[in-house]
Every structure is written in structure tokens, then in C-alpha cells.
């Protein structure tokens, strides 16, 4: 009987203690904000800066409180307000085929690399305990190098498409088109420089480089403009009025060799090539000017070398491309 009384008293005492503790808990005012980061969590120079809390440069610790997608979680504070790019930091971040590939994210926010430099540093070498970007982006300027977005990622000297900013390598894509054939020496002419069609930015963030227009601006240079008022049509992808495609004229009155003229001037065909038609037909001999050009005395192709010595041989083949499509007439 005495044991029954003992257990009854013990049970009653424990119950009273539990009820008392519950009442005390109800009287405690919960804190308005609980933080493991400290008051200087957003001060980069402070040891309490939240970026310095990352373990081995990884974000797994952040997910414990801010949720797996960093949208708030139990902390009820979203990381995405400041770090919108953080959502791509998954196992798929370096997978070119994945929608979580970091390059696709940057493209979708109009190439705003400031989202990367927030954590990886202005020179992308690591920043606040974040991994360096430069272990993959080894070229000068790291992720800001020209061939990061267009050209050959493994060749810093090749900065024009293919590859285009959308990843395309096909010449029928207007983003690729005839870039490569213009920028390499061909059988008939020297390579064209980038600044003959575009304004070359000195820096990634130079004015006009990254903007809200959907396509790269075409601004013709001095050589292309020898024919006066060259134009590129973004609707049908045609160039017109360019010197290099036959918008030229040489007046008889200005020539030392007037015997070669049957009209007041010798002119080209002002041919309008389609930018994304790269089959060789638009560079065929006789395309940009007739054989012989309009206003020129009658002559066969095999005879061109008689006057244009060192430019073309007796078979009509260009033997010195520096003297063809060079802005002047090379004779004798």
C-alpha cells in the first residue's frame, strides 16, 4: 500500500512541475529575430560577415535554415533578394546540357556578371570563401573574356562565332553566318577584321556591348565603307553598298590607263550577299563584278594577268590576295 502512495505522490509532483514549466514558457516573449550571423552579418569587412560562415566555400550550411532553394526556410529570410544567381549552384552547375548550367542562367539575365562577382570577387578569383571561377575560365579577364560567350571557349584568340551566344555553330543561323569565312584568309582576299562590321568594346561592360537590344549592332568600318553608305538588313540578312562586295567605281577621267575604258567609269555589281548563306557561291569570280567589269574593254579571264600583273595568273586564279579587294586598282 505504501508503494502505491509513493508512486501517486511522485506522479502528482511531476505533473505539477510540468504544468508550472508550461505556464512559465507561455509567459516568455519570443525574440523578434533570431540570428546566428550577428549584427554585422552584412558588413563585408567584419568577421561576422555571413559570407565568411560558408564551410569550404559550399552553400550546404545555408540550406539548413534558408531552405534548399534559399527562399527563406525556417529562417524566414530569403537569400534570393541579394543573390538571385545562387539558385544555379546545384550539382548541375557545370553541366552544359542542364537548365541549371550557370552559363544559361547568366544568358537569361542578359549577361549580368555582377551576380557572380558578388561572391566570387571582382576578379572572380574566389572572393569571400567562394571557389574561384578562374580554374575553368583560364584566359585573361576570366569569365569576362570575349570567347566565354562567343567563339571558341578553349581558344582565346578566336572570339567570333561559331559558337554563338545561343550555343549555335551552324552557318545557317544568322548569329553564326559567315563570321569564320570573313575572319580567315580566303583564296581571293585577306581576312576582314572585326571592326569592319562591329564596334569592338574595350571592356566587358563598355557602353553598347551588353544592352537590351536582341542582336549585335552592325557598324561598318572604313574599308567596308569605301563604296559609300553600306547597310546590313536584319530582316533578310543581306549586306548592301559594301565596297568588298562590288559597290565601287573607278572613273576614266582619273585614270592613267584610259584605254581600258569603254564608258566613263568601271563599276562593280554592288552585289548583296546573304549573310547566312555560306556555300561558296556568293564569292565566286564574277559575282561582285562582271568578267570583265562593266565599263571595261572586252577581255577574257585568262588575259587579266596581262595588265593586272602579280594579281591574277593566266588561269584566272588570284595569286596575290593582298592585291585583290584592297581598295585600289593594281596594274602593271
C-alpha atoms as a PDB file:
ATOM      1  CA  UNK A   1       0.000   0.000   0.000  1.00  0.00           C
ATOM      2  CA  UNK A   2       2.856   2.335   0.884  1.00  0.00           C
ATOM      3  CA  UNK A   3       4.335   1.892  -2.635  1.00  0.00           C
ATOM      4  CA  UNK A   4       1.053   2.907  -4.208  1.00  0.00           C
ATOM      5  CA  UNK A   5       1.056   6.086  -2.125  1.00  0.00           C
ATOM      6  CA  UNK A   6       4.700   6.783  -3.087  1.00  0.00           C
ATOM      7  CA  UNK A   7       4.074   6.489  -6.822  1.00  0.00           C
ATOM      8  CA  UNK A   8       0.904   8.548  -6.535  1.00  0.00           C
ATOM      9  CA  UNK A   9       2.784  11.355  -4.775  1.00  0.00           C
ATOM     10  CA  UNK A  10       5.657  11.176  -7.328  1.00  0.00           C
ATOM     11  CA  UNK A  11       3.275  11.290 -10.309  1.00  0.00           C
ATOM     12  CA  UNK A  12       1.396  14.238  -8.814  1.00  0.00           C
ATOM     13  CA  UNK A  13       4.635  16.152  -8.195  1.00  0.00           C
ATOM     14  CA  UNK A  14       5.928  15.613 -11.752  1.00  0.00           C
ATOM     15  CA  UNK A  15       2.591  16.704 -13.185  1.00  0.00           C
ATOM     16  CA  UNK A  16       2.668  19.921 -11.141  1.00  0.00           C
ATOM     17  CA  UNK A  17       6.239  20.643 -12.313  1.00  0.00           C
ATOM     18  CA  UNK A  18       5.256  20.092 -15.975  1.00  0.00           C
ATOM     19  CA  UNK A  19       2.244  22.397 -15.667  1.00  0.00           C
ATOM     20  CA  UNK A  20       4.343  25.055 -13.956  1.00  0.00           C
ATOM     21  CA  UNK A  21       7.016  24.934 -16.689  1.00  0.00           C
ATOM     22  CA  UNK A  22       4.356  25.208 -19.377  1.00  0.00           C
ATOM     23  CA  UNK A  23       2.944  28.292 -17.693  1.00  0.00           C
ATOM     24  CA  UNK A  24       6.415  29.849 -17.484  1.00  0.00           C
ATOM     25  CA  UNK A  25       7.029  29.154 -21.210  1.00  0.00           C
ATOM     26  CA  UNK A  26       3.780  30.879 -22.094  1.00  0.00           C
ATOM     27  CA  UNK A  27       4.920  33.972 -20.215  1.00  0.00           C
ATOM     28  CA  UNK A  28       8.248  34.245 -22.119  1.00  0.00           C
ATOM     29  CA  UNK A  29       8.146  36.733 -25.012  1.00  0.00           C
ATOM     30  CA  UNK A  30       9.793  35.167 -28.070  1.00  0.00           C
ATOM     31  CA  UNK A  31      12.575  37.242 -29.689  1.00  0.00           C
ATOM     32  CA  UNK A  32      11.588  39.265 -32.725  1.00  0.00           C
ATOM     33  CA  UNK A  33      14.553  37.959 -34.691  1.00  0.00           C
ATOM     34  CA  UNK A  34      16.901  35.070 -34.089  1.00  0.00           C
ATOM     35  CA  UNK A  35      20.209  35.098 -35.962  1.00  0.00           C
ATOM     36  CA  UNK A  36      23.363  33.035 -35.894  1.00  0.00           C
ATOM     37  CA  UNK A  37      25.166  35.632 -38.004  1.00  0.00           C
ATOM     38  CA  UNK A  38      25.396  38.564 -35.646  1.00  0.00           C
ATOM     39  CA  UNK A  39      24.637  42.239 -36.167  1.00  0.00           C
ATOM     40  CA  UNK A  40      27.435  42.693 -38.710  1.00  0.00           C
ATOM     41  CA  UNK A  41      26.224  39.882 -40.978  1.00  0.00           C
ATOM     42  CA  UNK A  42      26.054  42.222 -43.988  1.00  0.00           C
ATOM     43  CA  UNK A  43      29.312  44.118 -43.332  1.00  0.00           C
ATOM     44  CA  UNK A  44      31.911  42.662 -45.680  1.00  0.00           C
ATOM     45  CA  UNK A  45      34.862  43.872 -43.593  1.00  0.00           C
ATOM     46  CA  UNK A  46      33.519  42.213 -40.448  1.00  0.00           C
ATOM     47  CA  UNK A  47      34.457  38.765 -39.216  1.00  0.00           C
ATOM     48  CA  UNK A  48      30.709  38.269 -38.736  1.00  0.00           C
ATOM     49  CA  UNK A  49      30.005  38.795 -42.454  1.00  0.00           C
ATOM     50  CA  UNK A  50      27.706  35.946 -43.481  1.00  0.00           C
ATOM     51  CA  UNK A  51      29.819  35.036 -46.488  1.00  0.00           C
ATOM     52  CA  UNK A  52      32.638  34.033 -44.143  1.00  0.00           C
ATOM     53  CA  UNK A  53      30.369  31.457 -42.498  1.00  0.00           C
ATOM     54  CA  UNK A  54      30.468  29.228 -45.567  1.00  0.00           C
ATOM     55  CA  UNK A  55      32.166  25.907 -44.861  1.00  0.00           C
ATOM     56  CA  UNK A  56      34.748  25.012 -47.513  1.00  0.00           C
ATOM     57  CA  UNK A  57      33.128  27.516 -49.852  1.00  0.00           C
ATOM     58  CA  UNK A  58      29.936  25.460 -50.050  1.00  0.00           C
ATOM     59  CA  UNK A  59      26.342  26.523 -49.526  1.00  0.00           C
ATOM     60  CA  UNK A  60      25.083  23.396 -47.767  1.00  0.00           C
ATOM     61  CA  UNK A  61      25.164  25.096 -44.361  1.00  0.00           C
ATOM     62  CA  UNK A  62      22.960  27.934 -45.671  1.00  0.00           C
ATOM     63  CA  UNK A  63      20.315  25.435 -46.771  1.00  0.00           C
ATOM     64  CA  UNK A  64      19.815  24.199 -43.209  1.00  0.00           C
ATOM     65  CA  UNK A  65      17.971  27.395 -42.280  1.00  0.00           C
ATOM     66  CA  UNK A  66      17.232  29.144 -45.588  1.00  0.00           C
ATOM     67  CA  UNK A  67      15.763  26.080 -47.348  1.00  0.00           C
ATOM     68  CA  UNK A  68      17.193  24.018 -50.183  1.00  0.00           C
ATOM     69  CA  UNK A  69      16.245  26.694 -52.720  1.00  0.00           C
ATOM     70  CA  UNK A  70      17.380  29.555 -50.434  1.00  0.00           C
ATOM     71  CA  UNK A  71      13.880  31.069 -50.489  1.00  0.00           C
ATOM     72  CA  UNK A  72      13.609  31.502 -46.710  1.00  0.00           C
ATOM     73  CA  UNK A  73      13.046  28.228 -44.870  1.00  0.00           C
ATOM     74  CA  UNK A  74      12.856  28.263 -41.087  1.00  0.00           C
ATOM     75  CA  UNK A  75      14.975  31.426 -41.019  1.00  0.00           C
ATOM     76  CA  UNK A  76      12.218  33.200 -42.966  1.00  0.00           C
ATOM     77  CA  UNK A  77      14.899  35.262 -44.692  1.00  0.00           C
ATOM     78  CA  UNK A  78      15.364  34.728 -48.436  1.00  0.00           C
ATOM     79  CA  UNK A  79      18.891  34.734 -49.815  1.00  0.00           C
ATOM     80  CA  UNK A  80      17.468  35.417 -53.277  1.00  0.00           C
ATOM     81  CA  UNK A  81      16.808  39.077 -52.539  1.00  0.00           C
ATOM     82  CA  UNK A  82      20.543  39.724 -52.892  1.00  0.00           C
ATOM     83  CA  UNK A  83      21.812  36.542 -54.537  1.00  0.00           C
ATOM     84  CA  UNK A  84      19.486  35.739 -57.425  1.00  0.00           C
ATOM     85  CA  UNK A  85      22.194  33.638 -59.086  1.00  0.00           C
ATOM     86  CA  UNK A  86      22.517  31.306 -56.120  1.00  0.00           C
ATOM     87  CA  UNK A  87      19.776  29.043 -57.493  1.00  0.00           C
ATOM     88  CA  UNK A  88      22.127  27.616 -60.135  1.00  0.00           C
ATOM     89  CA  UNK A  89      24.557  26.309 -57.560  1.00  0.00           C
ATOM     90  CA  UNK A  90      23.488  22.692 -57.817  1.00  0.00           C
ATOM     91  CA  UNK A  91      25.289  19.562 -58.959  1.00  0.00           C
ATOM     92  CA  UNK A  92      24.269  20.544 -62.497  1.00  0.00           C
ATOM     93  CA  UNK A  93      26.078  23.882 -62.442  1.00  0.00           C
ATOM     94  CA  UNK A  94      28.814  22.724 -64.832  1.00  0.00           C
ATOM     95  CA  UNK A  95      26.607  20.502 -66.997  1.00  0.00           C
ATOM     96  CA  UNK A  96      26.281  22.166 -70.413  1.00  0.00           C
ATOM     97  CA  UNK A  97      23.101  20.210 -71.151  1.00  0.00           C
ATOM     98  CA  UNK A  98      21.340  21.146 -67.925  1.00  0.00           C
ATOM     99  CA  UNK A  99      18.915  24.034 -67.457  1.00  0.00           C
ATOM    100  CA  UNK A 100      20.864  24.715 -64.252  1.00  0.00           C
ATOM    101  CA  UNK A 101      24.122  25.260 -66.158  1.00  0.00           C
ATOM    102  CA  UNK A 102      25.486  28.555 -64.901  1.00  0.00           C
ATOM    103  CA  UNK A 103      26.075  29.901 -68.408  1.00  0.00           C
ATOM    104  CA  UNK A 104      22.378  29.592 -69.249  1.00  0.00           C
ATOM    105  CA  UNK A 105      21.452  31.453 -66.097  1.00  0.00           C
ATOM    106  CA  UNK A 106      23.805  34.315 -66.991  1.00  0.00           C
ATOM    107  CA  UNK A 107      22.357  34.447 -70.518  1.00  0.00           C
ATOM    108  CA  UNK A 108      18.820  34.673 -69.108  1.00  0.00           C
ATOM    109  CA  UNK A 109      19.749  37.726 -67.011  1.00  0.00           C
ATOM    110  CA  UNK A 110      21.325  39.485 -70.001  1.00  0.00           C
ATOM    111  CA  UNK A 111      24.915  38.561 -69.161  1.00  0.00           C
ATOM    112  CA  UNK A 112      24.979  40.425 -65.842  1.00  0.00           C
ATOM    113  CA  UNK A 113      28.209  39.077 -64.336  1.00  0.00           C
ATOM    114  CA  UNK A 114      27.799  41.230 -61.238  1.00  0.00           C
ATOM    115  CA  UNK A 115      25.670  38.385 -59.924  1.00  0.00           C
ATOM    116  CA  UNK A 116      28.811  36.227 -59.993  1.00  0.00           C
ATOM    117  CA  UNK A 117      31.265  38.791 -58.643  1.00  0.00           C
ATOM    118  CA  UNK A 118      29.116  39.305 -55.537  1.00  0.00           C
ATOM    119  CA  UNK A 119      30.533  36.096 -54.111  1.00  0.00           C
ATOM    120  CA  UNK A 120      33.411  35.171 -56.402  1.00  0.00           C
ATOM    121  CA  UNK A 121      35.149  38.567 -56.246  1.00  0.00           C
ATOM    122  CA  UNK A 122      35.677  41.342 -58.783  1.00  0.00           C
ATOM    123  CA  UNK A 123      38.445  39.324 -60.429  1.00  0.00           C
ATOM    124  CA  UNK A 124      36.498  36.057 -59.959  1.00  0.00           C
ATOM    125  CA  UNK A 125      39.412  34.551 -58.031  1.00  0.00           C
ATOM    126  CA  UNK A 126      37.302  33.446 -55.086  1.00  0.00           C
ATOM    127  CA  UNK A 127      36.038  36.427 -53.162  1.00  0.00           C
ATOM    128  CA  UNK A 128      34.636  35.647 -49.735  1.00  0.00           C
ATOM    129  CA  UNK A 129      35.408  31.937 -49.307  1.00  0.00           C
ATOM    130  CA  UNK A 130      33.748  31.163 -52.655  1.00  0.00           C
ATOM    131  CA  UNK A 131      35.539  28.961 -55.190  1.00  0.00           C
ATOM    132  CA  UNK A 132      37.481  30.660 -57.969  1.00  0.00           C
ATOM    133  CA  UNK A 133      35.930  30.867 -61.443  1.00  0.00           C
ATOM    134  CA  UNK A 134      39.372  31.114 -62.998  1.00  0.00           C
ATOM    135  CA  UNK A 135      40.191  27.436 -62.723  1.00  0.00           C
ATOM    136  CA  UNK A 136      37.914  26.920 -65.760  1.00  0.00           C
ATOM    137  CA  UNK A 137      37.992  30.451 -67.166  1.00  0.00           C
ATOM    138  CA  UNK A 138      41.775  30.449 -67.574  1.00  0.00           C
ATOM    139  CA  UNK A 139      42.022  33.132 -70.234  1.00  0.00           C
ATOM    140  CA  UNK A 140      42.838  36.750 -69.485  1.00  0.00           C
ATOM    141  CA  UNK A 141      39.931  38.556 -67.768  1.00  0.00           C
ATOM    142  CA  UNK A 142      38.451  35.222 -66.666  1.00  0.00           C
ATOM    143  CA  UNK A 143      34.685  34.994 -67.317  1.00  0.00           C
ATOM    144  CA  UNK A 144      34.785  38.433 -68.967  1.00  0.00           C
ATOM    145  CA  UNK A 145      36.988  37.215 -71.831  1.00  0.00           C
ATOM    146  CA  UNK A 146      35.397  37.559 -75.273  1.00  0.00           C
ATOM    147  CA  UNK A 147      35.467  33.836 -76.051  1.00  0.00           C
ATOM    148  CA  UNK A 148      33.475  32.974 -72.922  1.00  0.00           C
ATOM    149  CA  UNK A 149      30.215  33.908 -74.639  1.00  0.00           C
ATOM    150  CA  UNK A 150      31.027  33.720 -78.358  1.00  0.00           C
ATOM    151  CA  UNK A 151      33.792  31.944 -80.227  1.00  0.00           C
ATOM    152  CA  UNK A 152      35.938  29.050 -79.042  1.00  0.00           C
ATOM    153  CA  UNK A 153      35.977  28.666 -75.253  1.00  0.00           C
ATOM    154  CA  UNK A 154      39.328  26.868 -75.467  1.00  0.00           C
ATOM    155  CA  UNK A 155      40.964  29.399 -77.776  1.00  0.00           C
ATOM    156  CA  UNK A 156      41.146  32.987 -76.511  1.00  0.00           C
ATOM    157  CA  UNK A 157      42.266  34.230 -79.936  1.00  0.00           C
ATOM    158  CA  UNK A 158      39.034  33.052 -81.577  1.00  0.00           C
ATOM    159  CA  UNK A 159      36.340  35.378 -80.299  1.00  0.00           C
ATOM    160  CA  UNK A 160      33.740  35.390 -83.091  1.00  0.00           C
ATOM    161  CA  UNK A 161      31.093  32.734 -83.816  1.00  0.00           C
ATOM    162  CA  UNK A 162      30.923  29.886 -84.148  1.00  0.00           C
ATOM    163  CA  UNK A 163      29.992  29.335 -81.187  1.00  0.00           C
ATOM    164  CA  UNK A 164      27.269  31.992 -80.986  1.00  0.00           C
ATOM    165  CA  UNK A 165      25.828  33.305 -77.733  1.00  0.00           C
ATOM    166  CA  UNK A 166      22.987  30.786 -78.046  1.00  0.00           C
ATOM    167  CA  UNK A 167      25.485  27.941 -78.500  1.00  0.00           C
ATOM    168  CA  UNK A 168      24.852  27.523 -82.231  1.00  0.00           C
ATOM    169  CA  UNK A 169      27.691  26.503 -84.563  1.00  0.00           C
ATOM    170  CA  UNK A 170      25.680  26.214 -87.809  1.00  0.00           C
ATOM    171  CA  UNK A 171      26.282  28.793 -90.520  1.00  0.00           C
ATOM    172  CA  UNK A 172      22.599  29.000 -91.475  1.00  0.00           C
ATOM    173  CA  UNK A 173      21.959  30.526 -88.049  1.00  0.00           C
ATOM    174  CA  UNK A 174      22.253  34.285 -88.539  1.00  0.00           C
ATOM    175  CA  UNK A 175      24.184  34.532 -85.257  1.00  0.00           C
ATOM    176  CA  UNK A 176      26.928  32.428 -86.869  1.00  0.00           C
ATOM    177  CA  UNK A 177      26.590  33.070 -90.595  1.00  0.00           C
ATOM    178  CA  UNK A 178      29.774  33.916 -92.492  1.00  0.00           C
ATOM    179  CA  UNK A 179      31.823  35.080 -89.486  1.00  0.00           C
ATOM    180  CA  UNK A 180      34.503  32.448 -89.891  1.00  0.00           C
ATOM    181  CA  UNK A 181      34.943  32.777 -93.642  1.00  0.00           C
ATOM    182  CA  UNK A 182      35.371  36.549 -93.291  1.00  0.00           C
ATOM    183  CA  UNK A 183      37.837  36.360 -90.431  1.00  0.00           C
ATOM    184  CA  UNK A 184      40.138  33.823 -92.090  1.00  0.00           C
ATOM    185  CA  UNK A 185      42.291  34.373 -95.157  1.00  0.00           C
ATOM    186  CA  UNK A 186      40.445  33.017 -98.189  1.00  0.00           C
ATOM    187  CA  UNK A 187      41.662  32.149-101.662  1.00  0.00           C
ATOM    188  CA  UNK A 188      40.682  35.550-103.006  1.00  0.00           C
ATOM    189  CA  UNK A 189      41.173  38.057-100.161  1.00  0.00           C
ATOM    190  CA  UNK A 190      42.841  38.808 -96.866  1.00  0.00           C
ATOM    191  CA  UNK A 191      40.918  38.324 -93.663  1.00  0.00           C
ATOM    192  CA  UNK A 192      38.473  41.023 -92.590  1.00  0.00           C
ATOM    193  CA  UNK A 193      38.943  42.496 -89.129  1.00  0.00           C
ATOM    194  CA  UNK A 194      36.111  42.523 -86.581  1.00  0.00           C
ATOM    195  CA  UNK A 195      35.995  46.317 -86.550  1.00  0.00           C
ATOM    196  CA  UNK A 196      34.875  46.363 -90.194  1.00  0.00           C
ATOM    197  CA  UNK A 197      31.419  45.325 -89.026  1.00  0.00           C
ATOM    198  CA  UNK A 198      31.318  45.984 -85.269  1.00  0.00           C
ATOM    199  CA  UNK A 199      32.457  48.469 -82.676  1.00  0.00           C
ATOM    200  CA  UNK A 200      34.881  46.483 -80.517  1.00  0.00           C
ATOM    201  CA  UNK A 201      34.353  47.048 -76.770  1.00  0.00           C
ATOM    202  CA  UNK A 202      37.473  47.686 -74.721  1.00  0.00           C
ATOM    203  CA  UNK A 203      35.881  46.120 -71.642  1.00  0.00           C
ATOM    204  CA  UNK A 204      33.049  43.690 -70.954  1.00  0.00           C
ATOM    205  CA  UNK A 205      30.912  46.480 -69.529  1.00  0.00           C
ATOM    206  CA  UNK A 206      31.728  49.046 -72.224  1.00  0.00           C
ATOM    207  CA  UNK A 207      28.757  51.088 -73.387  1.00  0.00           C
ATOM    208  CA  UNK A 208      26.831  49.367 -76.165  1.00  0.00           C
ATOM    209  CA  UNK A 209      28.314  45.919 -75.595  1.00  0.00           C
ATOM    210  CA  UNK A 210      25.737  44.440 -73.244  1.00  0.00           C
ATOM    211  CA  UNK A 211      22.416  46.172 -73.738  1.00  0.00           C
ATOM    212  CA  UNK A 212      18.732  45.437 -74.208  1.00  0.00           C
ATOM    213  CA  UNK A 213      18.837  45.069 -77.986  1.00  0.00           C
ATOM    214  CA  UNK A 214      18.448  41.461 -79.148  1.00  0.00           C
ATOM    215  CA  UNK A 215      21.263  41.488 -81.721  1.00  0.00           C
ATOM    216  CA  UNK A 216      24.786  42.771 -82.129  1.00  0.00           C
ATOM    217  CA  UNK A 217      24.896  46.172 -83.793  1.00  0.00           C
ATOM    218  CA  UNK A 218      26.497  46.325 -87.234  1.00  0.00           C
ATOM    219  CA  UNK A 219      28.664  49.419 -87.589  1.00  0.00           C
ATOM    220  CA  UNK A 220      30.679  49.306 -90.807  1.00  0.00           C
ATOM    221  CA  UNK A 221      34.319  50.356 -90.794  1.00  0.00           C
ATOM    222  CA  UNK A 222      36.330  52.486 -93.188  1.00  0.00           C
ATOM    223  CA  UNK A 223      37.245  49.702 -95.625  1.00  0.00           C
ATOM    224  CA  UNK A 224      33.696  48.376 -95.990  1.00  0.00           C
ATOM    225  CA  UNK A 225      32.525  51.964 -96.429  1.00  0.00           C
ATOM    226  CA  UNK A 226      34.735  52.740 -99.432  1.00  0.00           C
ATOM    227  CA  UNK A 227      31.666  52.111-101.543  1.00  0.00           C
ATOM    228  CA  UNK A 228      29.686  54.680 -99.513  1.00  0.00           C
ATOM    229  CA  UNK A 229      26.726  54.074 -97.195  1.00  0.00           C
ATOM    230  CA  UNK A 230      26.945  50.310 -96.527  1.00  0.00           C
ATOM    231  CA  UNK A 231      23.861  48.757 -94.909  1.00  0.00           C
ATOM    232  CA  UNK A 232      23.026  45.463 -93.210  1.00  0.00           C
ATOM    233  CA  UNK A 233      19.382  44.390 -93.259  1.00  0.00           C
ATOM    234  CA  UNK A 234      18.413  42.463 -90.126  1.00  0.00           C
ATOM    235  CA  UNK A 235      15.243  41.132 -91.778  1.00  0.00           C
ATOM    236  CA  UNK A 236      16.724  39.327 -94.772  1.00  0.00           C
ATOM    237  CA  UNK A 237      20.341  39.175 -93.503  1.00  0.00           C
ATOM    238  CA  UNK A 238      21.715  40.950 -96.584  1.00  0.00           C
ATOM    239  CA  UNK A 239      24.639  43.363 -96.890  1.00  0.00           C
ATOM    240  CA  UNK A 240      24.369  46.095 -99.496  1.00  0.00           C
ATOM    241  CA  UNK A 241      26.507  49.000-100.683  1.00  0.00           C
ATOM    242  CA  UNK A 242      29.718  47.452 -99.333  1.00  0.00           C
ATOM    243  CA  UNK A 243      32.916  48.047-101.261  1.00  0.00           C
ATOM    244  CA  UNK A 244      34.100  44.482-100.682  1.00  0.00           C
ATOM    245  CA  UNK A 245      31.055  43.074-102.499  1.00  0.00           C
ATOM    246  CA  UNK A 246      31.221  45.290-105.554  1.00  0.00           C
ATOM    247  CA  UNK A 247      29.987  48.733-104.617  1.00  0.00           C
ATOM    248  CA  UNK A 248      32.837  50.544-106.337  1.00  0.00           C
ATOM    249  CA  UNK A 249      33.535  52.729-109.313  1.00  0.00           C
ATOM    250  CA  UNK A 250      36.743  53.958-110.953  1.00  0.00           C
ATOM    251  CA  UNK A 251      36.307  56.978-113.186  1.00  0.00           C
ATOM    252  CA  UNK A 252      38.001  57.205-116.551  1.00  0.00           C
ATOM    253  CA  UNK A 253      38.928  60.862-116.028  1.00  0.00           C
ATOM    254  CA  UNK A 254      41.031  59.901-113.021  1.00  0.00           C
ATOM    255  CA  UNK A 255      42.838  57.002-114.692  1.00  0.00           C
ATOM    256  CA  UNK A 256      46.274  56.927-116.247  1.00  0.00           C
ATOM    257  CA  UNK A 257      45.145  53.990-118.387  1.00  0.00           C
ATOM    258  CA  UNK A 258      42.078  55.364-120.153  1.00  0.00           C
ATOM    259  CA  UNK A 259      42.411  52.852-122.983  1.00  0.00           C
ATOM    260  CA  UNK A 260      40.889  50.251-120.636  1.00  0.00           C
ATOM    261  CA  UNK A 261      37.570  52.138-120.505  1.00  0.00           C
ATOM    262  CA  UNK A 262      34.589  51.845-122.831  1.00  0.00           C
ATOM    263  CA  UNK A 263      32.412  54.010-120.557  1.00  0.00           C
ATOM    264  CA  UNK A 264      33.004  56.950-118.250  1.00  0.00           C
ATOM    265  CA  UNK A 265      33.643  54.600-115.351  1.00  0.00           C
ATOM    266  CA  UNK A 266      34.271  50.987-114.447  1.00  0.00           C
ATOM    267  CA  UNK A 267      31.850  49.702-111.821  1.00  0.00           C
ATOM    268  CA  UNK A 268      31.135  46.663-109.731  1.00  0.00           C
ATOM    269  CA  UNK A 269      27.830  44.855-109.338  1.00  0.00           C
ATOM    270  CA  UNK A 270      27.022  46.102-105.834  1.00  0.00           C
ATOM    271  CA  UNK A 271      26.189  42.503-105.006  1.00  0.00           C
ATOM    272  CA  UNK A 272      24.009  41.860-101.941  1.00  0.00           C
ATOM    273  CA  UNK A 273      25.189  38.642-100.278  1.00  0.00           C
ATOM    274  CA  UNK A 274      23.000  36.809 -97.786  1.00  0.00           C
ATOM    275  CA  UNK A 275      24.927  36.616 -94.509  1.00  0.00           C
ATOM    276  CA  UNK A 276      23.844  33.111 -93.513  1.00  0.00           C
ATOM    277  CA  UNK A 277      24.223  31.501 -96.937  1.00  0.00           C
ATOM    278  CA  UNK A 278      27.711  30.035 -96.731  1.00  0.00           C
ATOM    279  CA  UNK A 279      28.093  27.689 -99.699  1.00  0.00           C
ATOM    280  CA  UNK A 280      30.834  29.465-101.671  1.00  0.00           C
ATOM    281  CA  UNK A 281      28.502  30.661-104.425  1.00  0.00           C
ATOM    282  CA  UNK A 282      28.475  34.258-103.222  1.00  0.00           C
ATOM    283  CA  UNK A 283      32.245  34.581-103.517  1.00  0.00           C
ATOM    284  CA  UNK A 284      32.530  33.085-106.987  1.00  0.00           C
ATOM    285  CA  UNK A 285      34.561  35.022-109.524  1.00  0.00           C
ATOM    286  CA  UNK A 286      32.209  37.246-111.498  1.00  0.00           C
ATOM    287  CA  UNK A 287      29.771  37.742-108.610  1.00  0.00           C
ATOM    288  CA  UNK A 288      30.867  41.110-107.244  1.00  0.00           C
ATOM    289  CA  UNK A 289      31.868  42.391-110.675  1.00  0.00           C
ATOM    290  CA  UNK A 290      31.338  41.118-114.198  1.00  0.00           C
ATOM    291  CA  UNK A 291      34.136  39.452-116.173  1.00  0.00           C
ATOM    292  CA  UNK A 292      35.360  41.956-117.198  1.00  0.00           C
ATOM    293  CA  UNK A 293      33.681  44.627-115.002  1.00  0.00           C
ATOM    294  CA  UNK A 294      31.099  46.960-116.519  1.00  0.00           C
ATOM    295  CA  UNK A 295      32.785  49.803-118.453  1.00  0.00           C
ATOM    296  CA  UNK A 296      35.961  47.761-119.030  1.00  0.00           C
ATOM    297  CA  UNK A 297      37.223  46.801-122.507  1.00  0.00           C
ATOM    298  CA  UNK A 298      36.369  43.267-123.575  1.00  0.00           C
ATOM    299  CA  UNK A 299      38.786  40.728-122.183  1.00  0.00           C
ATOM    300  CA  UNK A 300      38.927  37.052-121.365  1.00  0.00           C
ATOM    301  CA  UNK A 301      39.676  35.825-117.854  1.00  0.00           C
ATOM    302  CA  UNK A 302      42.941  34.286-118.979  1.00  0.00           C
ATOM    303  CA  UNK A 303      44.080  37.701-120.196  1.00  0.00           C
ATOM    304  CA  UNK A 304      43.559  39.548-116.882  1.00  0.00           C
ATOM    305  CA  UNK A 305      47.137  38.866-115.828  1.00  0.00           C
ATOM    306  CA  UNK A 306      48.449  40.851-118.783  1.00  0.00           C
ATOM    307  CA  UNK A 307      47.598  44.147-117.083  1.00  0.00           C
ATOM    308  CA  UNK A 308      46.975  43.033-113.513  1.00  0.00           C
ATOM    309  CA  UNK A 309      50.414  41.533-113.168  1.00  0.00           C
ATOM    310  CA  UNK A 310      51.016  39.644-109.952  1.00  0.00           C
ATOM    311  CA  UNK A 311      47.331  39.755-109.016  1.00  0.00           C
ATOM    312  CA  UNK A 312      45.896  37.018-111.226  1.00  0.00           C
ATOM    313  CA  UNK A 313      47.532  34.303-113.335  1.00  0.00           C
ATOM    314  CA  UNK A 314      46.718  33.083-116.861  1.00  0.00           C
ATOM    315  CA  UNK A 315      44.128  30.685-115.457  1.00  0.00           C
ATOM    316  CA  UNK A 316      42.176  33.473-113.772  1.00  0.00           C
ATOM    317  CA  UNK A 317      43.316  32.452-110.293  1.00  0.00           C
ATOM    318  CA  UNK A 318      44.199  35.104-107.728  1.00  0.00           C
ATOM    319  CA  UNK A 319      47.884  34.713-106.933  1.00  0.00           C
ATOM    320  CA  UNK A 320      48.304  37.605-104.505  1.00  0.00           C
ATOM    321  CA  UNK A 321      45.201  38.184-102.382  1.00  0.00           C
ATOM    322  CA  UNK A 322      46.724  41.310-100.800  1.00  0.00           C
ATOM    323  CA  UNK A 323      46.234  42.968-104.201  1.00  0.00           C
ATOM    324  CA  UNK A 324      42.625  41.850-104.628  1.00  0.00           C
ATOM    325  CA  UNK A 325      39.742  43.614-102.824  1.00  0.00           C
ATOM    326  CA  UNK A 326      42.240  46.040-101.308  1.00  0.00           C
ATOM    327  CA  UNK A 327      40.663  49.388-102.165  1.00  0.00           C
ATOM    328  CA  UNK A 328      42.716  50.204-105.230  1.00  0.00           C
ATOM    329  CA  UNK A 329      43.488  49.038-108.766  1.00  0.00           C
ATOM    330  CA  UNK A 330      46.796  47.207-109.117  1.00  0.00           C
ATOM    331  CA  UNK A 331      48.163  47.497-112.661  1.00  0.00           C
ATOM    332  CA  UNK A 332      51.472  46.665-114.306  1.00  0.00           C
END
